[in-house]
């Protein structure tokens, strides 16, 4: 069974991430660990609280978990999964790091509204950025406006410089098979330069890894990588973006430090970050 850790603060954002994860893994049996830990960041982990509860102390947290688990059990997406609430009084990053090791977690899920502590609508929240960069686990980032419909098209932005990319992406093949999805490898470049030998080898390796799965190769040449991502999402109806965590160059430009204002994919398209 797959072990999935979902970070929750009982907000609408975290509830949305729970529903997305249940939909994504509806064909599998999973252990879902629901973790509530201390948030020591300048802004709220997720600012839109639902009527589940606003947990202010351990007693409130237990009550909030009772309401949350009841709501999950009553959901048609409950399936045959198992759910385990976890209350931690330490920092959520440290708490998650411990649970990843202790529970042998395969995936961490976090909901985000895409707002930074400055309130600008083009930066991922500081806690989400730290979770992606500091936790040694694959991370699914679910924006507040992302609602699962189907998983038909997956986009993988790449510059073909990561020789271990194909091996990492093999971890998604189970997901690709269960949803019969097509994987779109998108070469991101600012200039229309020819691939060097290493890049060409890495591209061919990706083709070999996905030989038995539907996949396509695309090229997007644009000074603004975030516009290139937006285009590939709109053109191909992309449902999920997948990226290896080691590709910090692309992360900085399309997720952490984009230059454009009001980017749609920030609020509608989930990111799966692979470690």
Protein backbone atom coordinates (compact mmCIF):
# COMPACT_ATOMS: atom_id res chain seq x y z
CA UNK A 1 0.00 0.00 0.00
CA UNK A 2 1.13 3.53 -0.72
CA UNK A 3 1.76 5.72 2.34
CA UNK A 4 0.68 9.34 1.85
CA UNK A 5 1.19 12.20 4.29
CA UNK A 6 -1.26 15.13 3.99
CA UNK A 7 -0.48 18.34 5.85
CA UNK A 8 -3.65 19.90 7.18
CA UNK A 9 -4.65 22.99 9.14
CA UNK A 10 -8.38 22.25 8.73
CA UNK A 11 -8.78 25.01 6.15
CA UNK A 12 -10.65 24.98 2.85
CA UNK A 13 -7.30 24.78 1.07
CA UNK A 14 -6.20 21.66 2.93
CA UNK A 15 -9.63 20.07 2.47
CA UNK A 16 -9.33 20.67 -1.26
CA UNK A 17 -5.92 18.96 -1.26
CA UNK A 18 -7.40 15.94 0.57
CA UNK A 19 -10.19 15.62 -2.00
CA UNK A 20 -7.70 15.94 -4.85
CA UNK A 21 -5.45 13.22 -3.39
CA UNK A 22 -8.41 10.87 -2.83
CA UNK A 23 -9.50 11.39 -6.43
CA UNK A 24 -5.98 10.91 -7.80
CA UNK A 25 -5.50 7.61 -5.96
CA UNK A 26 -9.06 6.35 -6.11
CA UNK A 27 -7.99 3.16 -7.91
CA UNK A 28 -5.41 2.29 -5.26
CA UNK A 29 -5.50 1.38 -1.58
CA UNK A 30 -3.53 3.89 0.48
CA UNK A 31 -2.69 4.77 4.04
CA UNK A 32 -3.39 8.47 4.48
CA UNK A 33 -1.63 10.12 7.41
CA UNK A 34 -3.21 13.49 8.22
CA UNK A 35 -0.66 15.70 9.97
CA UNK A 36 -1.32 18.90 11.88
CA UNK A 37 1.82 20.64 13.16
CA UNK A 38 2.92 24.08 14.32
CA UNK A 39 3.13 26.74 11.61
CA UNK A 40 5.85 29.24 12.46
CA UNK A 41 5.72 31.17 9.19
CA UNK A 42 4.78 34.81 8.73
CA UNK A 43 1.61 33.94 6.86
CA UNK A 44 -1.03 31.34 7.48
CA UNK A 45 -0.39 27.94 5.94
CA UNK A 46 -3.79 28.31 4.30
CA UNK A 47 -5.82 31.36 5.11
CA UNK A 48 -9.37 30.35 4.15
CA UNK A 49 -10.72 28.38 7.07
CA UNK A 50 -13.73 26.16 6.65
CA UNK A 51 -16.45 25.48 9.16
CA UNK A 52 -14.68 22.28 10.21
CA UNK A 53 -12.85 24.09 13.02
CA UNK A 54 -10.08 26.53 13.75
CA UNK A 55 -7.70 24.62 15.99
CA UNK A 56 -6.11 26.77 18.69
CA UNK A 57 -4.86 24.11 21.09
CA UNK A 58 -4.51 20.35 21.38
CA UNK A 59 -8.12 19.90 22.52
CA UNK A 60 -9.34 21.96 19.57
CA UNK A 61 -7.10 19.98 17.23
CA UNK A 62 -8.58 16.68 18.38
CA UNK A 63 -12.08 18.03 17.88
CA UNK A 64 -11.11 19.35 14.45
CA UNK A 65 -9.69 15.95 13.50
CA UNK A 66 -12.91 14.25 14.60
CA UNK A 67 -14.89 16.53 12.30
CA UNK A 68 -12.38 16.10 9.48
CA UNK A 69 -12.30 12.29 9.62
CA UNK A 70 -16.12 12.19 9.81
CA UNK A 71 -16.32 14.35 6.71
CA UNK A 72 -13.83 12.09 4.88
CA UNK A 73 -15.69 8.90 5.87
CA UNK A 74 -18.93 10.39 4.56
CA UNK A 75 -17.29 11.35 1.26
CA UNK A 76 -17.96 9.11 -1.78
CA UNK A 77 -14.19 9.24 -2.40
CA UNK A 78 -13.39 7.47 0.86
CA UNK A 79 -12.82 4.16 -0.94
CA UNK A 80 -10.91 1.41 0.86
CA UNK A 81 -8.22 3.76 2.16
CA UNK A 82 -7.15 3.95 5.80
CA UNK A 83 -6.82 7.29 7.61
CA UNK A 84 -4.61 8.15 10.58
CA UNK A 85 -4.72 11.59 12.26
CA UNK A 86 -1.42 12.84 13.71
CA UNK A 87 -1.08 15.81 16.07
CA UNK A 88 2.41 17.30 16.42
CA UNK A 89 3.32 20.25 18.62
CA UNK A 90 6.61 20.86 16.84
CA UNK A 91 7.26 22.80 13.65
CA UNK A 92 5.38 21.30 10.70
CA UNK A 93 8.58 20.84 8.65
CA UNK A 94 10.31 18.93 11.44
CA UNK A 95 7.12 16.98 12.16
CA UNK A 96 6.76 16.02 8.49
CA UNK A 97 10.43 15.04 8.27
CA UNK A 98 9.97 12.67 11.23
CA UNK A 99 6.79 11.14 9.81
CA UNK A 100 8.39 10.60 6.39
CA UNK A 101 11.05 8.42 8.02
CA UNK A 102 8.84 6.79 10.64
CA UNK A 103 5.91 5.91 8.35
CA UNK A 104 7.99 5.30 5.21
CA UNK A 105 6.03 7.97 3.38
CA UNK A 106 5.87 7.78 -0.43
CA UNK A 107 4.25 11.18 -1.02
CA UNK A 108 3.55 14.41 0.89
CA UNK A 109 0.48 16.47 -0.09
CA UNK A 110 0.08 20.17 0.66
CA UNK A 111 -2.65 22.62 -0.31
CA UNK A 112 -1.69 26.17 -1.15
CA UNK A 113 -3.47 29.33 -2.21
CA UNK A 114 -0.42 30.54 -4.15
CA UNK A 115 -0.11 33.68 -2.04
CA UNK A 116 3.16 34.80 -0.57
CA UNK A 117 3.39 36.51 2.77
CA UNK A 118 3.42 39.81 0.87
CA UNK A 119 0.04 39.00 -0.64
CA UNK A 120 1.30 39.09 -4.23
CA UNK A 121 -0.46 36.64 -6.52
CA UNK A 122 2.65 35.28 -8.18
CA UNK A 123 4.72 33.60 -5.49
CA UNK A 124 4.17 30.23 -3.84
CA UNK A 125 3.80 30.47 -0.05
CA UNK A 126 7.03 30.28 2.00
CA UNK A 127 5.92 27.12 3.78
CA UNK A 128 5.20 25.35 0.49
CA UNK A 129 8.60 26.36 -0.86
CA UNK A 130 10.35 25.03 2.25
CA UNK A 131 8.39 21.78 2.11
CA UNK A 132 9.50 21.26 -1.51
CA UNK A 133 13.16 22.11 -0.87
CA UNK A 134 13.71 20.74 2.65
CA UNK A 135 11.78 17.46 2.73
CA UNK A 136 13.35 14.42 1.07
CA UNK A 137 10.10 13.07 -0.29
CA UNK A 138 8.00 13.53 -3.37
CA UNK A 139 5.57 16.44 -2.88
CA UNK A 140 2.18 17.07 -4.46
CA UNK A 141 1.31 20.79 -4.34
CA UNK A 142 -2.42 21.36 -4.86
CA UNK A 143 -3.53 24.96 -5.56
CA UNK A 144 -6.83 26.05 -4.06
CA UNK A 145 -8.57 26.32 -7.44
CA UNK A 146 -7.39 22.86 -8.61
CA UNK A 147 -10.26 20.39 -8.79
CA UNK A 148 -9.70 16.87 -10.01
CA UNK A 149 -11.61 15.94 -13.16
CA UNK A 150 -9.43 13.45 -14.97
CA UNK A 151 -5.72 12.79 -15.34
CA UNK A 152 -5.29 12.62 -19.09
CA UNK A 153 -2.27 14.80 -19.78
CA UNK A 154 0.90 15.12 -17.69
CA UNK A 155 3.60 17.70 -18.52
CA UNK A 156 7.25 17.26 -17.55
CA UNK A 157 9.28 20.47 -18.09
CA UNK A 158 12.93 19.59 -18.69
CA UNK A 159 16.21 20.85 -20.05
CA UNK A 160 17.54 17.28 -20.57
CA UNK A 161 20.54 17.90 -18.29
CA UNK A 162 19.49 15.58 -15.45
CA UNK A 163 20.77 12.08 -16.23
CA UNK A 164 18.70 10.56 -13.38
CA UNK A 165 15.44 12.13 -14.60
CA UNK A 166 14.16 9.00 -16.30
CA UNK A 167 14.76 6.82 -13.26
CA UNK A 168 12.91 9.31 -11.05
CA UNK A 169 10.01 9.57 -13.47
CA UNK A 170 9.60 5.80 -13.41
CA UNK A 171 7.91 6.38 -10.05
CA UNK A 172 4.99 7.98 -11.92
CA UNK A 173 4.37 5.08 -14.29
CA UNK A 174 1.90 3.44 -11.88
CA UNK A 175 -0.10 6.67 -11.83
CA UNK A 176 0.15 6.99 -15.62
CA UNK A 177 -1.11 3.44 -16.11
CA UNK A 178 -4.02 3.71 -13.68
CA UNK A 179 -5.32 6.86 -15.40
CA UNK A 180 -4.19 5.91 -18.94
CA UNK A 181 -2.49 9.29 -19.12
CA UNK A 182 -0.11 10.67 -21.75
CA UNK A 183 3.22 12.12 -20.58
CA UNK A 184 4.39 15.25 -22.41
CA UNK A 185 8.11 15.98 -22.11
CA UNK A 186 8.58 19.71 -22.68
CA UNK A 187 12.06 20.93 -23.51
CA UNK A 188 12.36 24.43 -22.02
CA UNK A 189 14.89 26.77 -23.61
CA UNK A 190 15.43 30.50 -24.01
CA UNK A 191 17.23 30.03 -27.31
CA UNK A 192 16.61 27.61 -30.16
CA UNK A 193 19.92 25.82 -29.73
CA UNK A 194 20.62 22.26 -30.80
CA UNK A 195 20.80 19.67 -28.01
CA UNK A 196 24.34 18.63 -27.09
CA UNK A 197 25.31 14.94 -26.86
CA UNK A 198 24.49 14.66 -23.16
CA UNK A 199 21.07 16.24 -23.60
CA UNK A 200 20.30 14.02 -26.58
CA UNK A 201 21.31 10.93 -24.60
CA UNK A 202 19.07 11.96 -21.70
CA UNK A 203 16.16 12.57 -24.07
CA UNK A 204 16.59 9.11 -25.60
CA UNK A 205 16.77 7.61 -22.10
CA UNK A 206 13.39 9.17 -21.28
CA UNK A 207 11.95 7.65 -24.44
CA UNK A 208 13.29 4.22 -23.41
CA UNK A 209 11.88 4.49 -19.87
CA UNK A 210 8.42 5.33 -21.26
CA UNK A 211 8.59 3.04 -24.29
CA UNK A 212 5.43 1.16 -23.26
CA UNK A 213 3.51 4.27 -22.17
CA UNK A 214 1.92 7.05 -24.28
CA UNK A 215 4.33 9.98 -24.42
CA UNK A 216 5.26 12.93 -26.62
CA UNK A 217 8.13 15.38 -26.92
CA UNK A 218 7.63 19.13 -27.23
CA UNK A 219 9.91 22.14 -27.58
CA UNK A 220 9.08 25.52 -26.03
CA UNK A 221 11.51 28.37 -26.75
CA UNK A 222 10.67 31.44 -24.70
CA UNK A 223 12.57 33.94 -22.56
CA UNK A 224 9.80 33.60 -19.98
CA UNK A 225 9.53 29.97 -18.89
CA UNK A 226 6.27 30.65 -17.04
CA UNK A 227 4.65 31.73 -20.33
CA UNK A 228 5.97 28.58 -21.98
CA UNK A 229 4.40 26.44 -19.23
CA UNK A 230 1.13 28.34 -19.52
CA UNK A 231 1.11 27.70 -23.27
CA UNK A 232 1.76 23.98 -22.98
CA UNK A 233 -0.99 23.66 -20.36
CA UNK A 234 -3.52 25.51 -22.51
CA UNK A 235 -2.54 23.80 -25.77
CA UNK A 236 -2.50 20.24 -24.45
CA UNK A 237 -5.04 20.44 -21.64
CA UNK A 238 -2.43 19.50 -19.04
CA UNK A 239 -3.85 18.21 -15.74
CA UNK A 240 -0.62 17.77 -13.76
CA UNK A 241 2.94 19.12 -13.93
CA UNK A 242 5.71 16.76 -12.83
CA UNK A 243 9.28 17.87 -12.09
CA UNK A 244 12.35 16.30 -10.47
CA UNK A 245 13.34 18.29 -7.36
CA UNK A 246 16.95 18.58 -8.52
CA UNK A 247 16.04 20.85 -11.41
CA UNK A 248 16.40 24.00 -9.31
CA UNK A 249 16.95 26.23 -12.34
CA UNK A 250 13.48 25.53 -13.71
CA UNK A 251 11.91 25.60 -10.25
CA UNK A 252 13.22 29.07 -9.59
CA UNK A 253 11.74 30.39 -12.81
CA UNK A 254 8.36 28.67 -13.05
CA UNK A 255 7.42 28.00 -9.43
CA UNK A 256 9.39 29.99 -6.87
CA UNK A 257 10.41 33.24 -8.63
CA UNK A 258 8.30 33.79 -11.74
CA UNK A 259 8.49 37.21 -13.36
CA UNK A 260 4.95 37.44 -14.70
CA UNK A 261 1.87 38.62 -12.79
CA UNK A 262 -1.30 36.57 -12.28
CA UNK A 263 -0.13 33.29 -13.78
CA UNK A 264 -3.09 30.95 -14.16
CA UNK A 265 -1.27 27.68 -13.53
CA UNK A 266 -0.33 28.87 -10.05
CA UNK A 267 -3.95 28.61 -8.99
CA UNK A 268 -5.31 25.78 -11.13
CA UNK A 269 -2.61 23.21 -11.95
CA UNK A 270 -1.08 20.85 -9.35
CA UNK A 271 2.67 20.21 -9.26
CA UNK A 272 4.19 16.83 -8.42
CA UNK A 273 7.78 17.26 -7.28
CA UNK A 274 9.88 14.08 -7.39
CA UNK A 275 12.76 13.26 -5.03
